[in-house]
Amino acid sequence: MEINYEDRALVLSEALPYIKKYYGKIVVIKYGGNAMINNELKEHVMEDIVLLRQIGINVVLVHGGGPEISDTLKKMNIESKFVNGLRQTDRETVGVVQMVLAGKVNKDLVNLIQNKGGRAIGLSGIDGHMIEAEMMNRELGYVGEITNINPQPILDLLDDGYIPVISTVGCDSKGNVYNINADTAASKIAGTLKAYTMISMTDIKGLLRDVDDPSSLIPELSVSEVPELIKDGVISGGMIPKIGCCVEAIRRGVNQVAIIDGRIPHSILIEMLSDAGIGTLFH
């Protein structure tokens, strides 16, 4: 579809106040879902991140990589077991998690950002003891509960003009490595950094009042409304911990949190640089 000059000018003029609003601010993007699997969507996400950095927004990218971990375990004939949606992680499995997340997935994303004209450096939560953790429970094995975030490695990279790309593995003082839930890690990192915004990319439109009705999207809500929505069953199942992370980020000092549909090309730019926005905004 051909866009005329007037429409192009309108898009740019609409974006200008948002560029001013976010300039110099920290934005944490939790990257996951279909946007991480689909190569075309992945390209769009990296383009968005590079653009945001080039207009003066300090982007921190936090990623998981569940499907890649599952594929690698399958190739190695290691069975994937889950307890309440969390991967049961023994010593052998956590070694694979570290290899896949901190190695292949992380470095592939760094490489893609650089190919789009950005400057990125990949970190894992082990680097600089950035994500310190302890065992959540023995049944899950080496699945970590975060005890501390050291933001200094991230701040150093931002000061030097880099985009930090963070894989969610953590460690403890004894050298044990832990698999960390990416939503939890992103919210803790965003809160510690006092980020202006956290964006969580998902495979849904946002929070729907009726899961069977895409038009029932709740565009905006206060975290004080969340308990009532859980009570009414609007927030249920796997959305409860995901939205719990949004609430925690706000309570730790993040100004606003957005859950957006990563299946839509350039959804990050639509959310951040337009009047319409996309998904559900928590404040």
C-alpha atoms as a PDB file:
ATOM      1  CA  MET A   1       0.000   0.000   0.000  1.00  0.00           C
ATOM      2  CA  GLU A   2       1.362   3.389  -1.051  1.00  0.00           C
ATOM      3  CA  ILE A   3       1.563   5.973   1.750  1.00  0.00           C
ATOM      4  CA  ASN A   4       1.248   9.589   0.642  1.00  0.00           C
ATOM      5  CA  TYR A   5       3.436  12.422   1.933  1.00  0.00           C
ATOM      6  CA  GLU A   6       0.702  13.811   4.158  1.00  0.00           C
ATOM      7  CA  ASP A   7       0.274  10.477   5.948  1.00  0.00           C
ATOM      8  CA  ARG A   8       4.030  10.122   6.373  1.00  0.00           C
ATOM      9  CA  ALA A   9       4.241  13.610   7.873  1.00  0.00           C
ATOM     10  CA  LEU A  10       1.361  12.791  10.223  1.00  0.00           C
ATOM     11  CA  VAL A  11       3.113   9.631  11.467  1.00  0.00           C
ATOM     12  CA  LEU A  12       6.338  11.543  12.106  1.00  0.00           C
ATOM     13  CA  SER A  13       4.618  14.472  13.844  1.00  0.00           C
ATOM     14  CA  GLU A  14       2.649  12.062  16.032  1.00  0.00           C
ATOM     15  CA  ALA A  15       5.873  10.295  17.060  1.00  0.00           C
ATOM     16  CA  LEU A  16       7.746  13.495  18.006  1.00  0.00           C
ATOM     17  CA  PRO A  17       6.240  14.092  21.488  1.00  0.00           C
ATOM     18  CA  TYR A  18       6.831  10.435  22.368  1.00  0.00           C
ATOM     19  CA  ILE A  19      10.455  10.665  21.242  1.00  0.00           C
ATOM     20  CA  LYS A  20      10.841  13.657  23.574  1.00  0.00           C
ATOM     21  CA  LYS A  21       9.044  11.769  26.352  1.00  0.00           C
ATOM     22  CA  TYR A  22      11.336   8.733  26.187  1.00  0.00           C
ATOM     23  CA  TYR A  23      14.599  10.502  25.297  1.00  0.00           C
ATOM     24  CA  GLY A  24      17.324   9.506  27.756  1.00  0.00           C
ATOM     25  CA  LYS A  25      15.002   7.132  29.617  1.00  0.00           C
ATOM     26  CA  ILE A  26      15.566   3.406  30.221  1.00  0.00           C
ATOM     27  CA  VAL A  27      13.133   0.991  28.567  1.00  0.00           C
ATOM     28  CA  VAL A  28      13.327  -2.724  29.389  1.00  0.00           C
ATOM     29  CA  ILE A  29      11.921  -5.036  26.714  1.00  0.00           C
ATOM     30  CA  LYS A  30      11.119  -8.624  27.645  1.00  0.00           C
ATOM     31  CA  TYR A  31      11.449 -10.529  24.385  1.00  0.00           C
ATOM     32  CA  GLY A  32       9.685 -13.848  23.918  1.00  0.00           C
ATOM     33  CA  GLY A  33       6.831 -15.694  22.261  1.00  0.00           C
ATOM     34  CA  ASN A  34       6.279 -16.019  18.519  1.00  0.00           C
ATOM     35  CA  ALA A  35       8.310 -12.867  17.826  1.00  0.00           C
ATOM     36  CA  MET A  36      11.340 -14.874  18.913  1.00  0.00           C
ATOM     37  CA  ILE A  37      10.599 -17.862  16.665  1.00  0.00           C
ATOM     38  CA  ASN A  38       9.376 -16.204  13.467  1.00  0.00           C
ATOM     39  CA  ASN A  39      12.414 -14.869  11.582  1.00  0.00           C
ATOM     40  CA  GLU A  40      10.524 -12.039   9.870  1.00  0.00           C
ATOM     41  CA  LEU A  41       9.103 -10.809  13.194  1.00  0.00           C
ATOM     42  CA  LYS A  42      12.545 -11.147  14.780  1.00  0.00           C
ATOM     43  CA  GLU A  43      13.964  -8.838  12.113  1.00  0.00           C
ATOM     44  CA  HIS A  44      11.254  -6.247  12.844  1.00  0.00           C
ATOM     45  CA  VAL A  45      11.891  -6.383  16.601  1.00  0.00           C
ATOM     46  CA  MET A  46      15.622  -5.811  16.161  1.00  0.00           C
ATOM     47  CA  GLU A  47      14.967  -2.932  13.738  1.00  0.00           C
ATOM     48  CA  ASP A  48      12.655  -1.334  16.319  1.00  0.00           C
ATOM     49  CA  ILE A  49      15.241  -1.699  19.070  1.00  0.00           C
ATOM     50  CA  VAL A  50      18.004  -0.174  16.947  1.00  0.00           C
ATOM     51  CA  LEU A  51      15.755   2.742  15.976  1.00  0.00           C
ATOM     52  CA  LEU A  52      14.836   3.429  19.613  1.00  0.00           C
ATOM     53  CA  ARG A  53      18.513   3.487  20.591  1.00  0.00           C
ATOM     54  CA  GLN A  54      19.356   5.795  17.697  1.00  0.00           C
ATOM     55  CA  ILE A  55      16.777   8.359  18.844  1.00  0.00           C
ATOM     56  CA  GLY A  56      18.256   8.425  22.339  1.00  0.00           C
ATOM     57  CA  ILE A  57      16.249   5.792  24.226  1.00  0.00           C
ATOM     58  CA  ASN A  58      18.267   3.443  26.459  1.00  0.00           C
ATOM     59  CA  VAL A  59      16.965  -0.004  25.531  1.00  0.00           C
ATOM     60  CA  VAL A  60      17.687  -3.099  27.625  1.00  0.00           C
ATOM     61  CA  LEU A  61      16.661  -6.378  25.986  1.00  0.00           C
ATOM     62  CA  VAL A  62      15.894  -9.329  28.296  1.00  0.00           C
ATOM     63  CA  HIS A  63      15.192 -12.679  26.643  1.00  0.00           C
ATOM     64  CA  GLY A  64      14.367 -16.280  27.364  1.00  0.00           C
ATOM     65  CA  GLY A  65      14.418 -19.091  24.829  1.00  0.00           C
ATOM     66  CA  GLY A  66      12.186 -21.955  25.941  1.00  0.00           C
ATOM     67  CA  PRO A  67      11.544 -23.444  22.468  1.00  0.00           C
ATOM     68  CA  GLU A  68      15.268 -23.476  21.615  1.00  0.00           C
ATOM     69  CA  ILE A  69      16.045 -25.147  24.948  1.00  0.00           C
ATOM     70  CA  SER A  70      13.363 -27.797  24.330  1.00  0.00           C
ATOM     71  CA  ASP A  71      14.661 -28.443  20.792  1.00  0.00           C
ATOM     72  CA  THR A  72      18.245 -28.849  22.014  1.00  0.00           C
ATOM     73  CA  LEU A  73      17.220 -31.166  24.868  1.00  0.00           C
ATOM     74  CA  LYS A  74      15.235 -33.263  22.393  1.00  0.00           C
ATOM     75  CA  LYS A  75      18.252 -33.541  20.072  1.00  0.00           C
ATOM     76  CA  MET A  76      20.330 -34.648  23.064  1.00  0.00           C
ATOM     77  CA  ASN A  77      17.654 -37.214  24.059  1.00  0.00           C
ATOM     78  CA  ILE A  78      17.016 -35.433  27.370  1.00  0.00           C
ATOM     79  CA  GLU A  79      13.338 -35.407  28.345  1.00  0.00           C
ATOM     80  CA  SER A  80      11.728 -32.041  29.166  1.00  0.00           C
ATOM     81  CA  LYS A  81       9.614 -32.158  32.321  1.00  0.00           C
ATOM     82  CA  PHE A  82       7.443 -29.327  33.625  1.00  0.00           C
ATOM     83  CA  VAL A  83       5.935 -28.668  37.062  1.00  0.00           C
ATOM     84  CA  ASN A  84       3.207 -25.969  37.112  1.00  0.00           C
ATOM     85  CA  GLY A  85       4.562 -24.540  33.855  1.00  0.00           C
ATOM     86  CA  LEU A  86       8.183 -24.360  35.056  1.00  0.00           C
ATOM     87  CA  ARG A  87      10.913 -26.555  33.566  1.00  0.00           C
ATOM     88  CA  GLN A  88      12.267 -29.183  35.963  1.00  0.00           C
ATOM     89  CA  THR A  89      15.993 -28.562  35.768  1.00  0.00           C
ATOM     90  CA  ASP A  90      18.639 -31.012  36.976  1.00  0.00           C
ATOM     91  CA  ARG A  91      22.395 -30.381  36.671  1.00  0.00           C
ATOM     92  CA  GLU A  92      22.552 -31.791  33.142  1.00  0.00           C
ATOM     93  CA  THR A  93      19.579 -29.722  32.006  1.00  0.00           C
ATOM     94  CA  VAL A  94      20.810 -26.458  33.530  1.00  0.00           C
ATOM     95  CA  GLY A  95      24.067 -26.926  31.609  1.00  0.00           C
ATOM     96  CA  VAL A  96      22.059 -27.104  28.383  1.00  0.00           C
ATOM     97  CA  VAL A  97      19.991 -24.057  29.433  1.00  0.00           C
ATOM     98  CA  GLN A  98      23.184 -22.062  30.011  1.00  0.00           C
ATOM     99  CA  MET A  99      24.665 -23.208  26.696  1.00  0.00           C
ATOM    100  CA  VAL A 100      21.540 -22.360  24.678  1.00  0.00           C
ATOM    101  CA  LEU A 101      20.511 -19.084  26.366  1.00  0.00           C
ATOM    102  CA  ALA A 102      23.882 -17.503  27.151  1.00  0.00           C
ATOM    103  CA  GLY A 103      25.484 -18.964  24.045  1.00  0.00           C
ATOM    104  CA  LYS A 104      23.444 -19.472  20.899  1.00  0.00           C
ATOM    105  CA  VAL A 105      20.281 -17.410  21.511  1.00  0.00           C
ATOM    106  CA  ASN A 106      22.054 -14.468  23.114  1.00  0.00           C
ATOM    107  CA  LYS A 107      24.798 -14.194  20.530  1.00  0.00           C
ATOM    108  CA  ASP A 108      22.372 -14.651  17.619  1.00  0.00           C
ATOM    109  CA  LEU A 109      20.386 -11.639  18.897  1.00  0.00           C
ATOM    110  CA  VAL A 110      23.531  -9.548  19.390  1.00  0.00           C
ATOM    111  CA  ASN A 111      24.635 -10.400  15.863  1.00  0.00           C
ATOM    112  CA  LEU A 112      21.229  -9.493  14.413  1.00  0.00           C
ATOM    113  CA  ILE A 113      21.123  -6.124  16.217  1.00  0.00           C
ATOM    114  CA  GLN A 114      24.590  -5.304  14.894  1.00  0.00           C
ATOM    115  CA  ASN A 115      23.577  -6.300  11.361  1.00  0.00           C
ATOM    116  CA  LYS A 116      20.742  -3.764  11.687  1.00  0.00           C
ATOM    117  CA  GLY A 117      23.212  -1.003  12.513  1.00  0.00           C
ATOM    118  CA  GLY A 118      23.070  -1.146  16.301  1.00  0.00           C
ATOM    119  CA  ARG A 119      25.776  -1.664  18.915  1.00  0.00           C
ATOM    120  CA  ALA A 120      25.013  -4.545  21.270  1.00  0.00           C
ATOM    121  CA  ILE A 121      26.798  -6.610  23.878  1.00  0.00           C
ATOM    122  CA  GLY A 122      25.403  -9.861  25.215  1.00  0.00           C
ATOM    123  CA  LEU A 123      25.411 -10.687  28.913  1.00  0.00           C
ATOM    124  CA  SER A 124      24.042 -13.493  31.006  1.00  0.00           C
ATOM    125  CA  GLY A 125      22.875 -13.033  34.576  1.00  0.00           C
ATOM    126  CA  ILE A 126      26.108 -14.763  35.629  1.00  0.00           C
ATOM    127  CA  ASP A 127      28.272 -11.901  34.296  1.00  0.00           C
ATOM    128  CA  GLY A 128      29.196  -9.560  37.113  1.00  0.00           C
ATOM    129  CA  HIS A 129      26.821 -11.544  39.359  1.00  0.00           C
ATOM    130  CA  MET A 130      24.106  -9.501  37.691  1.00  0.00           C
ATOM    131  CA  ILE A 131      21.328 -11.973  38.595  1.00  0.00           C
ATOM    132  CA  GLU A 132      21.912 -13.673  41.937  1.00  0.00           C
ATOM    133  CA  ALA A 133      19.530 -16.495  42.785  1.00  0.00           C
ATOM    134  CA  GLU A 134      18.829 -19.427  45.025  1.00  0.00           C
ATOM    135  CA  MET A 135      17.005 -22.711  44.443  1.00  0.00           C
ATOM    136  CA  MET A 136      13.241 -22.129  44.323  1.00  0.00           C
ATOM    137  CA  ASN A 137      12.413 -25.656  45.503  1.00  0.00           C
ATOM    138  CA  ARG A 138      14.033 -29.066  45.288  1.00  0.00           C
ATOM    139  CA  GLU A 139      11.308 -30.516  43.062  1.00  0.00           C
ATOM    140  CA  LEU A 140      12.163 -28.042  40.289  1.00  0.00           C
ATOM    141  CA  GLY A 141      15.911 -28.412  40.774  1.00  0.00           C
ATOM    142  CA  TYR A 142      18.069 -25.598  39.422  1.00  0.00           C
ATOM    143  CA  VAL A 143      15.225 -23.161  38.791  1.00  0.00           C
ATOM    144  CA  GLY A 144      16.199 -19.936  40.479  1.00  0.00           C
ATOM    145  CA  GLU A 145      14.405 -17.462  42.671  1.00  0.00           C
ATOM    146  CA  ILE A 146      16.105 -14.071  42.310  1.00  0.00           C
ATOM    147  CA  THR A 147      17.712 -12.741  45.502  1.00  0.00           C
ATOM    148  CA  ASN A 148      19.550  -9.723  44.080  1.00  0.00           C
ATOM    149  CA  ILE A 149      20.087  -7.747  40.875  1.00  0.00           C
ATOM    150  CA  ASN A 150      23.413  -5.973  40.307  1.00  0.00           C
ATOM    151  CA  PRO A 151      22.581  -3.283  37.722  1.00  0.00           C
ATOM    152  CA  GLN A 152      26.116  -1.937  37.272  1.00  0.00           C
ATOM    153  CA  PRO A 153      27.104  -4.035  34.206  1.00  0.00           C
ATOM    154  CA  ILE A 154      23.904  -2.869  32.460  1.00  0.00           C
ATOM    155  CA  LEU A 155      24.437   0.789  33.386  1.00  0.00           C
ATOM    156  CA  ASP A 156      28.059   0.660  32.206  1.00  0.00           C
ATOM    157  CA  LEU A 157      26.995  -0.631  28.790  1.00  0.00           C
ATOM    158  CA  LEU A 158      24.218   1.966  28.470  1.00  0.00           C
ATOM    159  CA  ASP A 159      26.674   4.739  29.351  1.00  0.00           C
ATOM    160  CA  ASP A 160      28.972   3.500  26.574  1.00  0.00           C
ATOM    161  CA  GLY A 161      26.131   3.562  24.029  1.00  0.00           C
ATOM    162  CA  TYR A 162      25.512  -0.180  23.797  1.00  0.00           C
ATOM    163  CA  ILE A 163      22.260  -2.148  23.850  1.00  0.00           C
ATOM    164  CA  PRO A 164      22.605  -4.752  26.635  1.00  0.00           C
ATOM    165  CA  VAL A 165      21.140  -8.125  25.607  1.00  0.00           C
ATOM    166  CA  ILE A 166      20.566 -10.228  28.720  1.00  0.00           C
ATOM    167  CA  SER A 167      19.949 -13.979  28.897  1.00  0.00           C
ATOM    168  CA  THR A 168      18.111 -15.118  32.000  1.00  0.00           C
ATOM    169  CA  VAL A 169      20.447 -17.497  33.758  1.00  0.00           C
ATOM    170  CA  GLY A 170      21.612 -16.636  37.263  1.00  0.00           C
ATOM    171  CA  CYS A 171      24.084 -17.870  39.850  1.00  0.00           C
ATOM    172  CA  ASP A 172      24.757 -18.068  43.575  1.00  0.00           C
ATOM    173  CA  SER A 173      27.863 -17.497  45.698  1.00  0.00           C
ATOM    174  CA  LYS A 174      28.741 -21.212  45.492  1.00  0.00           C
ATOM    175  CA  GLY A 175      28.923 -21.206  41.678  1.00  0.00           C
ATOM    176  CA  ASN A 176      25.618 -22.958  41.037  1.00  0.00           C
ATOM    177  CA  VAL A 177      23.807 -21.868  37.867  1.00  0.00           C
ATOM    178  CA  TYR A 178      20.029 -21.405  37.749  1.00  0.00           C
ATOM    179  CA  ASN A 179      17.387 -21.178  35.046  1.00  0.00           C
ATOM    180  CA  ILE A 180      15.408 -17.956  35.661  1.00  0.00           C
ATOM    181  CA  ASN A 181      11.912 -17.163  34.375  1.00  0.00           C
ATOM    182  CA  ALA A 182      12.327 -14.364  31.807  1.00  0.00           C
ATOM    183  CA  ASP A 183       9.219 -12.405  32.903  1.00  0.00           C
ATOM    184  CA  THR A 184      10.426 -12.422  36.502  1.00  0.00           C
ATOM    185  CA  ALA A 185      13.968 -11.404  35.526  1.00  0.00           C
ATOM    186  CA  ALA A 186      12.739  -8.564  33.309  1.00  0.00           C
ATOM    187  CA  SER A 187      10.498  -7.134  36.040  1.00  0.00           C
ATOM    188  CA  LYS A 188      13.262  -7.298  38.672  1.00  0.00           C
ATOM    189  CA  ILE A 189      15.806  -5.735  36.290  1.00  0.00           C
ATOM    190  CA  ALA A 190      13.360  -2.992  35.262  1.00  0.00           C
ATOM    191  CA  GLY A 191      12.534  -2.257  38.902  1.00  0.00           C
ATOM    192  CA  THR A 192      16.173  -2.115  39.973  1.00  0.00           C
ATOM    193  CA  LEU A 193      17.026   0.198  37.058  1.00  0.00           C
ATOM    194  CA  LYS A 194      13.936   2.327  37.841  1.00  0.00           C
ATOM    195  CA  ALA A 195      13.128   2.029  34.128  1.00  0.00           C
ATOM    196  CA  TYR A 196      10.572   4.431  32.708  1.00  0.00           C
ATOM    197  CA  THR A 197       8.798   1.620  30.874  1.00  0.00           C
ATOM    198  CA  MET A 198       8.855  -2.158  30.660  1.00  0.00           C
ATOM    199  CA  ILE A 199       7.393  -3.845  27.584  1.00  0.00           C
ATOM    200  CA  SER A 200       6.472  -7.534  27.691  1.00  0.00           C
ATOM    201  CA  MET A 201       6.101  -9.154  24.275  1.00  0.00           C
ATOM    202  CA  THR A 202       3.562 -12.006  24.197  1.00  0.00           C
ATOM    203  CA  ASP A 203       1.429 -14.029  21.778  1.00  0.00           C
ATOM    204  CA  ILE A 204      -1.824 -12.349  22.827  1.00  0.00           C
ATOM    205  CA  LYS A 205      -3.361  -8.926  22.166  1.00  0.00           C
ATOM    206  CA  GLY A 206      -3.043  -7.985  25.824  1.00  0.00           C
ATOM    207  CA  LEU A 207      -5.422  -8.461  28.716  1.00  0.00           C
ATOM    208  CA  LEU A 208      -8.884  -9.392  27.423  1.00  0.00           C
ATOM    209  CA  ARG A 209     -12.035  -9.058  29.515  1.00  0.00           C
ATOM    210  CA  ASP A 210     -13.357 -12.062  27.557  1.00  0.00           C
ATOM    211  CA  VAL A 211     -10.696 -14.434  26.215  1.00  0.00           C
ATOM    212  CA  ASP A 212     -13.004 -15.424  23.348  1.00  0.00           C
ATOM    213  CA  ASP A 213     -13.590 -11.821  22.249  1.00  0.00           C
ATOM    214  CA  PRO A 214     -10.520 -10.023  20.823  1.00  0.00           C
ATOM    215  CA  SER A 215     -12.473  -6.730  20.868  1.00  0.00           C
ATOM    216  CA  SER A 216     -12.688  -6.894  24.693  1.00  0.00           C
ATOM    217  CA  LEU A 217      -9.093  -5.705  25.118  1.00  0.00           C
ATOM    218  CA  ILE A 218      -8.511  -3.664  28.276  1.00  0.00           C
ATOM    219  CA  PRO A 219      -6.251  -0.885  26.959  1.00  0.00           C
ATOM    220  CA  GLU A 220      -5.220   0.564  30.314  1.00  0.00           C
ATOM    221  CA  LEU A 221      -5.568  -0.170  34.018  1.00  0.00           C
ATOM    222  CA  SER A 222      -4.116   0.595  37.420  1.00  0.00           C
ATOM    223  CA  VAL A 223      -2.334  -2.182  39.314  1.00  0.00           C
ATOM    224  CA  SER A 224      -4.856  -1.609  42.124  1.00  0.00           C
ATOM    225  CA  GLU A 225      -7.521  -3.113  39.823  1.00  0.00           C
ATOM    226  CA  VAL A 226      -5.640  -6.391  39.338  1.00  0.00           C
ATOM    227  CA  PRO A 227      -6.835  -8.292  42.476  1.00  0.00           C
ATOM    228  CA  GLU A 228     -10.481  -7.696  41.515  1.00  0.00           C
ATOM    229  CA  LEU A 229      -9.837  -8.907  37.955  1.00  0.00           C
ATOM    230  CA  ILE A 230      -8.229 -12.077  39.339  1.00  0.00           C
ATOM    231  CA  LYS A 231     -11.188 -12.575  41.662  1.00  0.00           C
ATOM    232  CA  ASP A 232     -13.600 -12.179  38.704  1.00  0.00           C
ATOM    233  CA  GLY A 233     -11.615 -14.662  36.601  1.00  0.00           C
ATOM    234  CA  VAL A 234     -10.637 -12.078  33.966  1.00  0.00           C
ATOM    235  CA  ILE A 235      -7.004 -12.758  34.878  1.00  0.00           C
ATOM    236  CA  SER A 236      -6.514 -16.506  35.208  1.00  0.00           C
ATOM    237  CA  GLY A 237      -4.176 -19.397  34.498  1.00  0.00           C
ATOM    238  CA  GLY A 238      -0.833 -18.476  32.976  1.00  0.00           C
ATOM    239  CA  MET A 239      -1.747 -14.785  32.881  1.00  0.00           C
ATOM    240  CA  ILE A 240      -1.670 -14.552  36.685  1.00  0.00           C
ATOM    241  CA  PRO A 241       2.143 -14.853  37.073  1.00  0.00           C
ATOM    242  CA  LYS A 242       2.768 -12.785  33.909  1.00  0.00           C
ATOM    243  CA  ILE A 243       0.625  -9.906  35.173  1.00  0.00           C
ATOM    244  CA  GLY A 244       2.053 -10.412  38.653  1.00  0.00           C
ATOM    245  CA  CYS A 245       5.439  -9.512  37.151  1.00  0.00           C
ATOM    246  CA  CYS A 246       3.933  -6.348  35.652  1.00  0.00           C
ATOM    247  CA  VAL A 247       2.526  -5.368  39.040  1.00  0.00           C
ATOM    248  CA  GLU A 248       5.849  -6.033  40.763  1.00  0.00           C
ATOM    249  CA  ALA A 249       7.712  -3.865  38.241  1.00  0.00           C
ATOM    250  CA  ILE A 250       5.341  -0.947  38.901  1.00  0.00           C
ATOM    251  CA  ARG A 251       5.683  -1.361  42.658  1.00  0.00           C
ATOM    252  CA  ARG A 252       9.471  -1.371  42.315  1.00  0.00           C
ATOM    253  CA  GLY A 253       9.408   2.031  40.637  1.00  0.00           C
ATOM    254  CA  VAL A 254       8.775   1.442  36.917  1.00  0.00           C
ATOM    255  CA  ASN A 255       6.500   4.187  35.613  1.00  0.00           C
ATOM    256  CA  GLN A 256       4.419   1.984  33.281  1.00  0.00           C
ATOM    257  CA  VAL A 257       4.350  -1.570  31.916  1.00  0.00           C
ATOM    258  CA  ALA A 258       2.833  -2.693  28.621  1.00  0.00           C
ATOM    259  CA  ILE A 259       1.860  -6.194  27.527  1.00  0.00           C
ATOM    260  CA  ILE A 260       1.848  -6.166  23.729  1.00  0.00           C
ATOM    261  CA  ASP A 261       1.217  -8.618  20.897  1.00  0.00           C
ATOM    262  CA  GLY A 262       4.621  -9.514  19.478  1.00  0.00           C
ATOM    263  CA  ARG A 263       2.968 -11.185  16.470  1.00  0.00           C
ATOM    264  CA  ILE A 264       2.213  -7.728  15.028  1.00  0.00           C
ATOM    265  CA  PRO A 265       5.148  -6.299  13.018  1.00  0.00           C
ATOM    266  CA  HIS A 266       6.758  -3.255  14.680  1.00  0.00           C
ATOM    267  CA  SER A 267       4.466  -3.578  17.705  1.00  0.00           C
ATOM    268  CA  ILE A 268       7.118  -1.924  19.909  1.00  0.00           C
ATOM    269  CA  LEU A 269       7.089   1.258  17.804  1.00  0.00           C
ATOM    270  CA  ILE A 270       3.281   1.301  17.668  1.00  0.00           C
ATOM    271  CA  GLU A 271       3.143   1.048  21.465  1.00  0.00           C
ATOM    272  CA  MET A 272       5.826   3.603  22.227  1.00  0.00           C
ATOM    273  CA  LEU A 273       5.625   6.190  19.448  1.00  0.00           C
ATOM    274  CA  SER A 274       1.935   6.526  18.533  1.00  0.00           C
ATOM    275  CA  ASP A 275      -1.268   7.858  20.075  1.00  0.00           C
ATOM    276  CA  ALA A 276      -3.073   4.567  19.482  1.00  0.00           C
ATOM    277  CA  GLY A 277      -0.691   2.304  21.383  1.00  0.00           C
ATOM    278  CA  ILE A 278      -1.235  -1.431  21.371  1.00  0.00           C
ATOM    279  CA  GLY A 279      -1.936  -4.022  24.040  1.00  0.00           C
ATOM    280  CA  THR A 280      -2.600  -3.302  27.724  1.00  0.00           C
ATOM    281  CA  LEU A 281      -0.825  -0.557  29.686  1.00  0.00           C
ATOM    282  CA  PHE A 282      -0.409  -0.921  33.453  1.00  0.00           C
ATOM    283  CA  HIS A 283       0.334   2.084  35.642  1.00  0.00           C
END
